[in-house]
C-alpha atoms as a PDB file:
ATOM      1  CA  MET A   1     -24.093  -3.642  10.956  1.00  0.00           C
ATOM      2  CA  TRP A   2     -20.328  -3.688  11.286  1.00  0.00           C
ATOM      3  CA  ILE A   3     -20.628  -5.009  14.858  1.00  0.00           C
ATOM      4  CA  THR A   4     -22.730  -7.870  13.494  1.00  0.00           C
ATOM      5  CA  VAL A   5     -20.142  -8.612  10.809  1.00  0.00           C
ATOM      6  CA  ALA A   6     -17.273  -8.491  13.308  1.00  0.00           C
ATOM      7  CA  LEU A   7     -19.033 -10.863  15.714  1.00  0.00           C
ATOM      8  CA  ALA A   8     -20.034 -13.215  12.921  1.00  0.00           C
ATOM      9  CA  ALA A   9     -16.472 -13.231  11.586  1.00  0.00           C
ATOM     10  CA  SER A  10     -15.177 -14.244  15.001  1.00  0.00           C
ATOM     11  CA  TRP A  11     -17.785 -16.976  15.394  1.00  0.00           C
ATOM     12  CA  CYS A  12     -17.308 -18.377  11.903  1.00  0.00           C
ATOM     13  CA  THR A  13     -13.571 -18.762  12.298  1.00  0.00           C
ATOM     14  CA  GLY A  14     -13.880 -20.062  15.835  1.00  0.00           C
ATOM     15  CA  GLN A  15     -11.433 -17.429  17.099  1.00  0.00           C
ATOM     16  CA  GLY A  16      -9.883 -14.099  16.198  1.00  0.00           C
ATOM     17  CA  ILE A  17      -7.832 -14.210  12.993  1.00  0.00           C
ATOM     18  CA  PRO A  18      -4.151 -13.842  13.919  1.00  0.00           C
ATOM     19  CA  PRO A  19      -2.377 -11.022  12.071  1.00  0.00           C
ATOM     20  CA  ALA A  20       0.785 -11.572  10.061  1.00  0.00           C
ATOM     21  CA  LYS A  21       3.153  -9.136   8.441  1.00  0.00           C
ATOM     22  CA  SER A  22       2.831  -8.941   4.667  1.00  0.00           C
ATOM     23  CA  GLY A  23       6.348  -7.618   3.929  1.00  0.00           C
ATOM     24  CA  ILE A  24       4.860  -4.273   2.878  1.00  0.00           C
ATOM     25  CA  PRO A  25       5.499  -1.435   5.343  1.00  0.00           C
ATOM     26  CA  GLY A  26       2.384  -0.486   7.302  1.00  0.00           C
ATOM     27  CA  THR A  27       0.384  -3.506   6.092  1.00  0.00           C
ATOM     28  CA  THR A  28      -1.078  -6.451   7.969  1.00  0.00           C
ATOM     29  CA  VAL A  29      -2.602  -9.507   6.320  1.00  0.00           C
ATOM     30  CA  TYR A  30      -4.216 -12.512   7.864  1.00  0.00           C
ATOM     31  CA  ALA A  31      -2.575 -15.820   8.569  1.00  0.00           C
ATOM     32  CA  LYS A  32      -3.541 -18.809   6.442  1.00  0.00           C
ATOM     33  CA  GLN A  33      -6.417 -20.779   7.904  1.00  0.00           C
ATOM     34  CA  ALA A  34      -6.740 -24.524   8.275  1.00  0.00           C
ATOM     35  CA  SER A  35      -8.716 -26.576   5.743  1.00  0.00           C
ATOM     36  CA  PRO A  36     -12.545 -26.495   6.089  1.00  0.00           C
ATOM     37  CA  GLN A  37     -14.031 -28.534   8.911  1.00  0.00           C
ATOM     38  CA  LYS A  38     -17.541 -29.426  10.043  1.00  0.00           C
ATOM     39  CA  LEU A  39     -19.281 -26.288  11.290  1.00  0.00           C
ATOM     40  CA  THR A  40     -19.875 -25.815  14.964  1.00  0.00           C
ATOM     41  CA  THR A  41     -23.155 -24.454  16.277  1.00  0.00           C
ATOM     42  CA  GLN A  42     -21.451 -21.113  16.871  1.00  0.00           C
ATOM     43  CA  GLN A  43     -20.130 -21.004  13.288  1.00  0.00           C
ATOM     44  CA  GLU A  44     -23.574 -21.803  11.888  1.00  0.00           C
ATOM     45  CA  GLN A  45     -25.004 -18.976  13.984  1.00  0.00           C
ATOM     46  CA  GLY A  46     -22.316 -16.648  12.653  1.00  0.00           C
ATOM     47  CA  LEU A  47     -23.150 -17.528   9.050  1.00  0.00           C
ATOM     48  CA  ARG A  48     -26.833 -16.837   9.652  1.00  0.00           C
ATOM     49  CA  LEU A  49     -25.895 -13.378  10.908  1.00  0.00           C
ATOM     50  CA  LEU A  50     -23.566 -12.747   7.983  1.00  0.00           C
ATOM     51  CA  LYS A  51     -26.018 -13.427   5.172  1.00  0.00           C
ATOM     52  CA  PRO A  52     -28.352 -10.479   5.860  1.00  0.00           C
ATOM     53  CA  ALA A  53     -25.390  -8.281   6.847  1.00  0.00           C
ATOM     54  CA  HIS A  54     -23.535  -8.508   3.540  1.00  0.00           C
ATOM     55  CA  ALA A  55     -26.832  -8.458   1.635  1.00  0.00           C
ATOM     56  CA  GLU A  56     -27.645  -5.092   3.239  1.00  0.00           C
ATOM     57  CA  ALA A  57     -24.175  -3.717   2.491  1.00  0.00           C
ATOM     58  CA  GLY A  58     -25.381  -2.498  -0.902  1.00  0.00           C
ATOM     59  CA  GLY A  59     -27.243   0.328   0.795  1.00  0.00           C
ATOM     60  CA  LEU A  60     -24.180   1.697   2.565  1.00  0.00           C
ATOM     61  CA  GLU A  61     -21.793   4.452   1.495  1.00  0.00           C
ATOM     62  CA  ALA A  62     -18.911   3.164  -0.647  1.00  0.00           C
ATOM     63  CA  ASP A  63     -16.309   3.153   2.137  1.00  0.00           C
ATOM     64  CA  MET A  64     -18.504   1.295   4.636  1.00  0.00           C
ATOM     65  CA  ARG A  65     -19.805  -1.063   1.941  1.00  0.00           C
ATOM     66  CA  ALA A  66     -16.255  -1.994   0.922  1.00  0.00           C
ATOM     67  CA  PHE A  67     -15.217  -2.483   4.552  1.00  0.00           C
ATOM     68  CA  VAL A  68     -18.235  -4.630   5.476  1.00  0.00           C
ATOM     69  CA  LEU A  69     -17.775  -6.848   2.417  1.00  0.00           C
ATOM     70  CA  TRP A  70     -14.048  -7.259   3.136  1.00  0.00           C
ATOM     71  CA  ARG A  71     -14.697  -8.066   6.771  1.00  0.00           C
ATOM     72  CA  ALA A  72     -17.447 -10.529   5.805  1.00  0.00           C
ATOM     73  CA  SER A  73     -15.095 -12.250   3.353  1.00  0.00           C
ATOM     74  CA  LEU A  74     -12.706 -13.070   6.196  1.00  0.00           C
ATOM     75  CA  ALA A  75     -15.452 -14.953   8.016  1.00  0.00           C
ATOM     76  CA  TYR A  76     -15.814 -17.397   5.132  1.00  0.00           C
ATOM     77  CA  ALA A  77     -12.098 -18.277   4.966  1.00  0.00           C
ATOM     78  CA  THR A  78     -12.478 -21.671   6.620  1.00  0.00           C
ATOM     79  CA  VAL A  79     -16.058 -22.522   5.724  1.00  0.00           C
ATOM     80  CA  ASP A  80     -16.540 -21.423   2.095  1.00  0.00           C
ATOM     81  CA  PRO A  81     -13.384 -20.291   0.226  1.00  0.00           C
ATOM     82  CA  LYS A  82     -15.289 -19.532  -2.993  1.00  0.00           C
ATOM     83  CA  LYS A  83     -17.666 -17.266  -1.101  1.00  0.00           C
ATOM     84  CA  GLU A  84     -14.669 -15.647   0.559  1.00  0.00           C
ATOM     85  CA  GLU A  85     -13.047 -14.862  -2.800  1.00  0.00           C
ATOM     86  CA  GLY A  86     -16.300 -13.536  -4.247  1.00  0.00           C
ATOM     87  CA  LEU A  87     -16.885 -11.181  -1.322  1.00  0.00           C
ATOM     88  CA  ALA A  88     -13.256 -10.021  -1.405  1.00  0.00           C
ATOM     89  CA  LYS A  89     -13.627  -9.112  -5.089  1.00  0.00           C
ATOM     90  CA  ASP A  90     -16.924  -7.340  -4.326  1.00  0.00           C
ATOM     91  CA  SER A  91     -15.139  -5.399  -1.582  1.00  0.00           C
ATOM     92  CA  PHE A  92     -12.433  -4.309  -4.017  1.00  0.00           C
ATOM     93  CA  THR A  93     -15.034  -3.283  -6.602  1.00  0.00           C
ATOM     94  CA  ALA A  94     -16.929  -1.292  -3.972  1.00  0.00           C
ATOM     95  CA  SER A  95     -13.695   0.459  -2.960  1.00  0.00           C
ATOM     96  CA  GLU A  96     -13.325   1.894  -6.456  1.00  0.00           C
ATOM     97  CA  ALA A  97     -16.268   4.201  -5.743  1.00  0.00           C
ATOM     98  CA  ILE A  98     -14.505   5.741  -2.726  1.00  0.00           C
ATOM     99  CA  GLU A  99     -13.329   9.272  -3.456  1.00  0.00           C
ATOM    100  CA  ASP A 100      -9.569   9.767  -3.491  1.00  0.00           C
ATOM    101  CA  PRO A 101      -8.127  11.863  -0.640  1.00  0.00           C
ATOM    102  CA  SER A 102      -8.037  15.546  -1.481  1.00  0.00           C
ATOM    103  CA  ASP A 103      -4.390  15.944  -0.436  1.00  0.00           C
ATOM    104  CA  ARG A 104      -2.526  12.631  -0.402  1.00  0.00           C
ATOM    105  CA  ASP A 105       0.611  14.167   1.031  1.00  0.00           C
ATOM    106  CA  GLN A 106      -1.184  14.700   4.334  1.00  0.00           C
ATOM    107  CA  CYS A 107      -3.110  11.450   4.479  1.00  0.00           C
ATOM    108  CA  GLY A 108      -0.365   9.281   5.923  1.00  0.00           C
ATOM    109  CA  PRO A 109       0.848   5.934   4.652  1.00  0.00           C
ATOM    110  CA  ILE A 110      -1.271   3.207   3.118  1.00  0.00           C
ATOM    111  CA  GLY A 111      -3.395   1.666   5.835  1.00  0.00           C
ATOM    112  CA  SER A 112      -4.087   4.963   7.593  1.00  0.00           C
ATOM    113  CA  ALA A 113      -7.611   6.218   8.238  1.00  0.00           C
ATOM    114  CA  GLY A 114      -7.013   8.949   5.659  1.00  0.00           C
ATOM    115  CA  ASP A 115      -6.715   6.558   2.741  1.00  0.00           C
ATOM    116  CA  ILE A 116      -9.387   3.917   3.299  1.00  0.00           C
ATOM    117  CA  LYS A 117      -9.561   3.169  -0.427  1.00  0.00           C
ATOM    118  CA  SER A 118      -5.932   2.030  -0.567  1.00  0.00           C
ATOM    119  CA  TRP A 119      -6.243   0.445   2.881  1.00  0.00           C
ATOM    120  CA  ILE A 120      -8.965  -1.958   1.743  1.00  0.00           C
ATOM    121  CA  GLN A 121      -7.453  -2.648  -1.682  1.00  0.00           C
ATOM    122  CA  GLU A 122      -4.074  -3.428  -0.123  1.00  0.00           C
ATOM    123  CA  ARG A 123      -5.597  -5.998   2.210  1.00  0.00           C
ATOM    124  CA  VAL A 124      -7.758  -7.673  -0.430  1.00  0.00           C
ATOM    125  CA  LEU A 125      -4.900  -8.036  -2.920  1.00  0.00           C
ATOM    126  CA  SER A 126      -2.239  -8.960  -0.357  1.00  0.00           C
ATOM    127  CA  ASP A 127      -4.428 -11.786   0.894  1.00  0.00           C
ATOM    128  CA  MET A 128      -4.935 -13.043  -2.672  1.00  0.00           C
ATOM    129  CA  VAL A 129      -1.191 -12.959  -3.334  1.00  0.00           C
ATOM    130  CA  ARG A 130      -0.550 -14.912  -0.155  1.00  0.00           C
ATOM    131  CA  LYS A 131      -3.020 -17.562  -1.288  1.00  0.00           C
ATOM    132  CA  GLU A 132      -1.419 -17.545  -4.772  1.00  0.00           C
ATOM    133  CA  LYS A 133      -4.608 -16.416  -6.497  1.00  0.00           C
ATOM    134  CA  ILE A 134      -2.416 -14.532  -8.929  1.00  0.00           C
ATOM    135  CA  ALA A 135      -4.883 -14.513 -11.841  1.00  0.00           C
ATOM    136  CA  ALA A 136      -7.457 -12.761  -9.656  1.00  0.00           C
ATOM    137  CA  VAL A 137      -4.832 -10.265  -8.489  1.00  0.00           C
ATOM    138  CA  GLU A 138      -3.763  -9.420 -12.039  1.00  0.00           C
ATOM    139  CA  GLU A 139      -7.405  -8.949 -13.025  1.00  0.00           C
ATOM    140  CA  LEU A 140      -7.958  -6.349 -10.288  1.00  0.00           C
ATOM    141  CA  LEU A 141      -4.514  -4.715 -10.213  1.00  0.00           C
ATOM    142  CA  PRO A 142      -5.086  -2.183 -13.055  1.00  0.00           C
ATOM    143  CA  GLN A 143      -8.005  -0.700 -11.075  1.00  0.00           C
ATOM    144  CA  ALA A 144      -6.024  -0.296  -7.836  1.00  0.00           C
ATOM    145  CA  THR A 145      -4.719   3.039  -6.601  1.00  0.00           C
ATOM    146  CA  GLU A 146      -1.205   3.806  -7.723  1.00  0.00           C
ATOM    147  CA  PRO A 147       0.534   3.131  -4.387  1.00  0.00           C
ATOM    148  CA  VAL A 148      -1.271  -0.207  -4.102  1.00  0.00           C
ATOM    149  CA  ARG A 149      -0.405  -1.159  -7.679  1.00  0.00           C
ATOM    150  CA  SER A 150       3.244  -0.495  -6.927  1.00  0.00           C
ATOM    151  CA  HIS A 151       3.291  -2.472  -3.671  1.00  0.00           C
ATOM    152  CA  ILE A 152       1.342  -5.441  -5.001  1.00  0.00           C
ATOM    153  CA  THR A 153       3.298  -5.516  -8.261  1.00  0.00           C
ATOM    154  CA  ARG A 154       6.445  -6.062  -6.173  1.00  0.00           C
ATOM    155  CA  ASP A 155       4.917  -9.215  -4.729  1.00  0.00           C
ATOM    156  CA  VAL A 156       3.546 -10.493  -8.044  1.00  0.00           C
ATOM    157  CA  VAL A 157       6.854  -9.876  -9.831  1.00  0.00           C
ATOM    158  CA  LYS A 158       8.565 -11.833  -7.054  1.00  0.00           C
ATOM    159  CA  HIS A 159       6.045 -14.641  -7.554  1.00  0.00           C
ATOM    160  CA  TRP A 160       6.787 -14.922 -11.281  1.00  0.00           C
ATOM    161  CA  ILE A 161      10.527 -14.727 -10.707  1.00  0.00           C
ATOM    162  CA  GLU A 162      10.254 -17.669  -8.309  1.00  0.00           C
ATOM    163  CA  LYS A 163       8.237 -19.512 -10.971  1.00  0.00           C
ATOM    164  CA  LYS A 164      10.999 -18.738 -13.508  1.00  0.00           C
ATOM    165  CA  ASP A 165       8.547 -16.836 -15.731  1.00  0.00           C
ATOM    166  CA  LEU A 166      10.655 -13.722 -16.205  1.00  0.00           C
ATOM    167  CA  ALA A 167       8.778 -12.599 -19.310  1.00  0.00           C
ATOM    168  CA  HIS A 168       5.556 -12.393 -17.316  1.00  0.00           C
ATOM    169  CA  ALA A 169       7.328 -10.486 -14.536  1.00  0.00           C
ATOM    170  CA  GLU A 170       8.752  -8.025 -17.065  1.00  0.00           C
ATOM    171  CA  ALA A 171       5.345  -7.467 -18.667  1.00  0.00           C
ATOM    172  CA  LEU A 172       3.887  -6.581 -15.258  1.00  0.00           C
ATOM    173  CA  LEU A 173       6.710  -4.178 -14.487  1.00  0.00           C
ATOM    174  CA  LEU A 174       6.224  -2.485 -17.865  1.00  0.00           C
ATOM    175  CA  GLN A 175       2.717  -1.466 -16.787  1.00  0.00           C
ATOM    176  CA  LEU A 176       4.304   0.805 -14.162  1.00  0.00           C
ATOM    177  CA  ALA A 177       7.034   2.196 -16.426  1.00  0.00           C
ATOM    178  CA  ASP A 178       5.640   5.759 -16.243  1.00  0.00           C
ATOM    179  CA  SER A 179       4.287   5.596 -12.701  1.00  0.00           C
ATOM    180  CA  ASP A 180       5.529   7.958 -10.008  1.00  0.00           C
ATOM    181  CA  GLU A 181       5.316   4.900  -7.710  1.00  0.00           C
ATOM    182  CA  TYR A 182       7.683   2.781  -9.826  1.00  0.00           C
ATOM    183  CA  PRO A 183       8.928  -0.234  -7.798  1.00  0.00           C
ATOM    184  CA  PHE A 184      12.694   0.048  -8.232  1.00  0.00           C
ATOM    185  CA  ASP A 185      13.270  -2.847  -5.834  1.00  0.00           C
ATOM    186  CA  ALA A 186      11.151  -5.162  -8.016  1.00  0.00           C
ATOM    187  CA  ALA A 187      13.082  -3.982 -11.091  1.00  0.00           C
ATOM    188  CA  GLU A 188      16.336  -4.747  -9.294  1.00  0.00           C
ATOM    189  CA  ARG A 189      15.161  -8.244  -8.366  1.00  0.00           C
ATOM    190  CA  LEU A 190      14.086  -8.978 -11.944  1.00  0.00           C
ATOM    191  CA  LEU A 191      17.275  -7.609 -13.523  1.00  0.00           C
ATOM    192  CA  VAL A 192      19.471  -9.762 -11.273  1.00  0.00           C
ATOM    193  CA  ALA A 193      17.301 -12.837 -11.895  1.00  0.00           C
ATOM    194  CA  MET A 194      17.772 -12.513 -15.646  1.00  0.00           C
ATOM    195  CA  GLY A 195      21.409 -13.518 -15.420  1.00  0.00           C
ATOM    196  CA  PRO A 196      24.303 -12.485 -17.702  1.00  0.00           C
ATOM    197  CA  GLU A 197      22.976 -14.565 -20.607  1.00  0.00           C
ATOM    198  CA  GLN A 198      20.017 -12.159 -20.869  1.00  0.00           C
ATOM    199  CA  SER A 199      22.010  -8.966 -21.234  1.00  0.00           C
ATOM    200  CA  ALA A 200      19.431  -7.411 -23.582  1.00  0.00           C
ATOM    201  CA  GLY A 201      16.691  -7.978 -21.016  1.00  0.00           C
ATOM    202  CA  ARG A 202      18.835  -6.493 -18.290  1.00  0.00           C
ATOM    203  CA  MET A 203      19.388  -3.384 -20.380  1.00  0.00           C
ATOM    204  CA  ARG A 204      15.630  -3.058 -21.001  1.00  0.00           C
ATOM    205  CA  ILE A 205      14.960  -3.061 -17.269  1.00  0.00           C
ATOM    206  CA  PHE A 206      17.835  -0.657 -16.596  1.00  0.00           C
ATOM    207  CA  GLY A 207      16.615   1.687 -19.319  1.00  0.00           C
ATOM    208  CA  GLN A 208      13.073   1.553 -17.964  1.00  0.00           C
ATOM    209  CA  ALA A 209      14.236   2.420 -14.443  1.00  0.00           C
ATOM    210  CA  LEU A 210      16.436   5.279 -15.711  1.00  0.00           C
ATOM    211  CA  SER A 211      13.606   6.666 -17.847  1.00  0.00           C
ATOM    212  CA  ASN A 212      11.261   6.631 -14.877  1.00  0.00           C
ATOM    213  CA  PHE A 213      13.809   8.477 -12.738  1.00  0.00           C
ATOM    214  CA  GLU A 214      14.239  11.081 -15.469  1.00  0.00           C
ATOM    215  CA  GLN A 215      10.467  11.605 -15.548  1.00  0.00           C
ATOM    216  CA  HIS A 216       9.836  11.813 -11.829  1.00  0.00           C
ATOM    217  CA  GLY A 217      13.157  12.400 -10.088  1.00  0.00           C
ATOM    218  CA  SER A 218      13.548  11.576  -6.424  1.00  0.00           C
ATOM    219  CA  GLN A 219      10.287  10.937  -4.610  1.00  0.00           C
ATOM    220  CA  ASN A 220       9.834  11.324  -0.846  1.00  0.00           C
ATOM    221  CA  THR A 221      12.813   9.973   1.149  1.00  0.00           C
ATOM    222  CA  ILE A 222      15.874   9.542  -1.037  1.00  0.00           C
ATOM    223  CA  GLY A 223      18.084   6.508  -0.792  1.00  0.00           C
ATOM    224  CA  GLN A 224      15.471   3.894   0.135  1.00  0.00           C
ATOM    225  CA  ASN A 225      14.188   1.687  -2.683  1.00  0.00           C
ATOM    226  CA  ASP A 226      14.717   4.476  -5.190  1.00  0.00           C
ATOM    227  CA  PHE A 227      16.881   4.786  -8.293  1.00  0.00           C
ATOM    228  CA  GLY A 228      20.053   5.456  -6.317  1.00  0.00           C
ATOM    229  CA  ASP A 229      19.451   2.307  -4.312  1.00  0.00           C
ATOM    230  CA  PHE A 230      18.763   0.453  -7.575  1.00  0.00           C
ATOM    231  CA  ILE A 231      22.172   1.525  -8.956  1.00  0.00           C
ATOM    232  CA  GLU A 232      23.927   0.403  -5.786  1.00  0.00           C
ATOM    233  CA  HIS A 233      22.632  -3.139  -6.187  1.00  0.00           C
ATOM    234  CA  ILE A 234      22.827  -3.763  -9.955  1.00  0.00           C
ATOM    235  CA  TRP A 235      25.948  -1.867 -11.042  1.00  0.00           C
ATOM    236  CA  THR A 236      27.951  -5.070 -11.587  1.00  0.00           C
ATOM    237  CA  ASP A 237      25.212  -6.516 -13.830  1.00  0.00           C
ATOM    238  CA  VAL A 238      25.170  -3.896 -16.606  1.00  0.00           C
ATOM    239  CA  PRO A 239      27.935  -2.120 -18.591  1.00  0.00           C
ATOM    240  CA  SER A 240      30.031   0.374 -16.622  1.00  0.00           C
ATOM    241  CA  ALA A 241      29.369   3.163 -19.123  1.00  0.00           C
ATOM    242  CA  VAL A 242      25.615   3.164 -18.537  1.00  0.00           C
ATOM    243  CA  VAL A 243      26.104   3.006 -14.765  1.00  0.00           C
ATOM    244  CA  LEU A 244      28.376   6.056 -14.833  1.00  0.00           C
ATOM    245  CA  GLU A 245      25.877   7.937 -16.997  1.00  0.00           C
ATOM    246  CA  ALA A 246      23.079   7.044 -14.570  1.00  0.00           C
ATOM    247  CA  ILE A 247      25.163   8.241 -11.608  1.00  0.00           C
ATOM    248  CA  ASN A 248      25.718  11.555 -13.403  1.00  0.00           C
ATOM    249  CA  ARG A 249      21.945  11.943 -13.846  1.00  0.00           C
ATOM    250  CA  VAL A 250      21.307  11.219 -10.180  1.00  0.00           C
ATOM    251  CA  LEU A 251      23.950  13.687  -9.007  1.00  0.00           C
ATOM    252  CA  GLU A 252      22.703  16.381 -11.393  1.00  0.00           C
ATOM    253  CA  GLU A 253      19.148  15.932 -10.152  1.00  0.00           C
ATOM    254  CA  ALA A 254      20.253  16.123  -6.511  1.00  0.00           C
ATOM    255  CA  LYS A 255      22.338  19.241  -7.177  1.00  0.00           C
ATOM    256  CA  SER A 256      19.348  20.966  -8.788  1.00  0.00           C
ATOM    257  CA  LYS A 257      17.187  20.551  -5.686  1.00  0.00           C
ATOM    258  CA  GLU A 258      16.788  23.530  -3.409  1.00  0.00           C
ATOM    259  CA  SER A 259      16.817  21.936   0.000  1.00  0.00           C
ATOM    260  CA  HIS A 260      17.947  22.649   3.518  1.00  0.00           C
ATOM    261  CA  SER A 261      17.894  18.967   4.442  1.00  0.00           C
ATOM    262  CA  HIS A 262      20.673  17.575   6.586  1.00  0.00           C
ATOM    263  CA  TYR A 263      21.536  13.919   7.079  1.00  0.00           C
ATOM    264  CA  SER A 264      23.677  12.259   9.717  1.00  0.00           C
ATOM    265  CA  MET A 265      24.783   8.644   9.978  1.00  0.00           C
ATOM    266  CA  ALA A 266      27.026   6.714  12.307  1.00  0.00           C
ATOM    267  CA  SER A 267      28.562   3.286  12.704  1.00  0.00           C
ATOM    268  CA  ALA A 268      31.046   1.670  15.059  1.00  0.00           C
ATOM    269  CA  LYS A 269      33.809   3.056  12.816  1.00  0.00           C
ATOM    270  CA  GLY A 270      32.608   6.647  12.871  1.00  0.00           C
ATOM    271  CA  GLY A 271      29.910   9.013  11.705  1.00  0.00           C
ATOM    272  CA  ILE A 272      29.262  11.555   9.013  1.00  0.00           C
ATOM    273  CA  ALA A 273      27.062  14.627   8.546  1.00  0.00           C
ATOM    274  CA  LEU A 274      25.781  15.490   5.070  1.00  0.00           C
ATOM    275  CA  ASN A 275      24.534  18.972   4.268  1.00  0.00           C
ATOM    276  CA  SER A 276      22.413  18.477   1.159  1.00  0.00           C
ATOM    277  CA  PRO A 277      20.675  15.905  -1.054  1.00  0.00           C
ATOM    278  CA  TYR A 278      23.694  16.154  -3.378  1.00  0.00           C
ATOM    279  CA  GLU A 279      26.111  15.155  -0.628  1.00  0.00           C
ATOM    280  CA  PHE A 280      23.790  12.320   0.375  1.00  0.00           C
ATOM    281  CA  ARG A 281      23.689  10.996  -3.192  1.00  0.00           C
ATOM    282  CA  LEU A 282      27.445  11.292  -3.572  1.00  0.00           C
ATOM    283  CA  PHE A 283      27.895   9.481  -0.268  1.00  0.00           C
ATOM    284  CA  GLN A 284      25.454   6.790  -1.403  1.00  0.00           C
ATOM    285  CA  LEU A 285      27.113   6.168  -4.769  1.00  0.00           C
ATOM    286  CA  LEU A 286      30.747   6.809  -3.825  1.00  0.00           C
ATOM    287  CA  PRO A 287      31.618   3.090  -3.416  1.00  0.00           C
ATOM    288  CA  VAL A 288      30.401   2.432  -6.974  1.00  0.00           C
ATOM    289  CA  LEU A 289      32.236   5.453  -8.348  1.00  0.00           C
ATOM    290  CA  LYS A 290      35.459   4.353  -6.653  1.00  0.00           C
ATOM    291  CA  GLU A 291      35.265   1.041  -8.486  1.00  0.00           C
ATOM    292  CA  LEU A 292      34.381   2.448 -11.901  1.00  0.00           C
ATOM    293  CA  ASP A 293      36.187   5.814 -12.003  1.00  0.00           C
ATOM    294  CA  LYS A 294      38.459   6.424  -9.021  1.00  0.00           C
ATOM    295  CA  ASP A 295      39.769   9.782 -10.258  1.00  0.00           C
ATOM    296  CA  ARG A 296      36.273  11.181 -10.779  1.00  0.00           C
ATOM    297  CA  ALA A 297      35.191   9.908  -7.370  1.00  0.00           C
ATOM    298  CA  GLU A 298      38.075  11.713  -5.708  1.00  0.00           C
ATOM    299  CA  SER A 299      37.484  14.936  -7.628  1.00  0.00           C
ATOM    300  CA  LEU A 300      33.777  14.966  -6.742  1.00  0.00           C
ATOM    301  CA  CYS A 301      34.607  14.721  -3.050  1.00  0.00           C
ATOM    302  CA  CYS A 302      36.496  18.003  -3.212  1.00  0.00           C
ATOM    303  CA  GLY A 303      34.434  20.860  -1.863  1.00  0.00           C
ATOM    304  CA  THR A 304      32.139  18.597   0.138  1.00  0.00           C
ATOM    305  CA  THR A 305      32.173  17.261   3.686  1.00  0.00           C
ATOM    306  CA  LEU A 306      32.992  13.808   2.325  1.00  0.00           C
ATOM    307  CA  ASN A 307      36.331  12.129   2.803  1.00  0.00           C
ATOM    308  CA  PHE A 308      37.324  10.065  -0.219  1.00  0.00           C
ATOM    309  CA  ARG A 309      38.734   7.350   2.039  1.00  0.00           C
ATOM    310  CA  HIS A 310      35.660   7.215   4.249  1.00  0.00           C
ATOM    311  CA  ASN A 311      33.989   3.798   4.147  1.00  0.00           C
ATOM    312  CA  SER A 312      30.538   5.021   3.195  1.00  0.00           C
ATOM    313  CA  ARG A 313      29.266   1.513   2.470  1.00  0.00           C
ATOM    314  CA  ASN A 314      29.756   0.321   6.058  1.00  0.00           C
ATOM    315  CA  THR A 315      28.350   3.494   7.605  1.00  0.00           C
ATOM    316  CA  ARG A 316      25.271   3.374   5.366  1.00  0.00           C
ATOM    317  CA  LYS A 317      24.595  -0.300   6.115  1.00  0.00           C
ATOM    318  CA  ALA A 318      24.760   0.406   9.838  1.00  0.00           C
ATOM    319  CA  TRP A 319      22.423   3.376   9.442  1.00  0.00           C
ATOM    320  CA  ARG A 320      19.862   1.318   7.518  1.00  0.00           C
ATOM    321  CA  ARG A 321      19.763  -1.339  10.202  1.00  0.00           C
END
């Protein structure tokens, strides 16, 4: 059946659907199609093949049913947008019956063969976001897997920020306040968008991010779209006292970790080797500490491989590129 759906999809669109990056690591969505045109003979043939194919999908296992419905929805993009949206929603609903991976840590990133449930949900929702079908996205989002909810929430929060509806963006972010997939980068974007005249709102977002970090600590790779990264980007937008307290929490958490991890970074101006998560965090937040409490920054460098005068900001930027 899936061969039939794939062939019909190609015929209905007139050509293969060109992939486009969604902005979410490991995810591909499909480029926006032209407005509907008169069907060719080949497209009509494709539609005739599709109708029995997606009708028979109900008898398939949940993973294949969700995939066939999603693939069929793509074929209707240029010929029947309402049908496309209906099939995409049916695909998402079917995906909810797919069993979660038994050990997510070994399944690979979203989009891998080990997490077909998230793979399908990511594609359905990303495509809806791209087409600005935000109401449909928000209807389905609570049922998505946690990694998908986090990734898609980033995009929807960005949408509402661009529409100047910050209250709506904040309400969405609140739904992930206790999630171990909290989108710190979306929180950062919202906090900055609020502006200095909304200091109370900024403090709500900061408090929410700090509370989440206190619940879950560092997840996976530290320093990339996590709470430390959040502090780096918003420290000028909230009171210095709360920033310093947050830095203390981050350093305490890093110091408590038993780890043999080592990190090395280099730039045109030199390199540095870091021997623990604590040294990495100190290196990450040292530029902020220098600005807010120079004496404490210098004292914390004692007993580590860090040089107080080292330009950690430039080295880190080069490493991230």
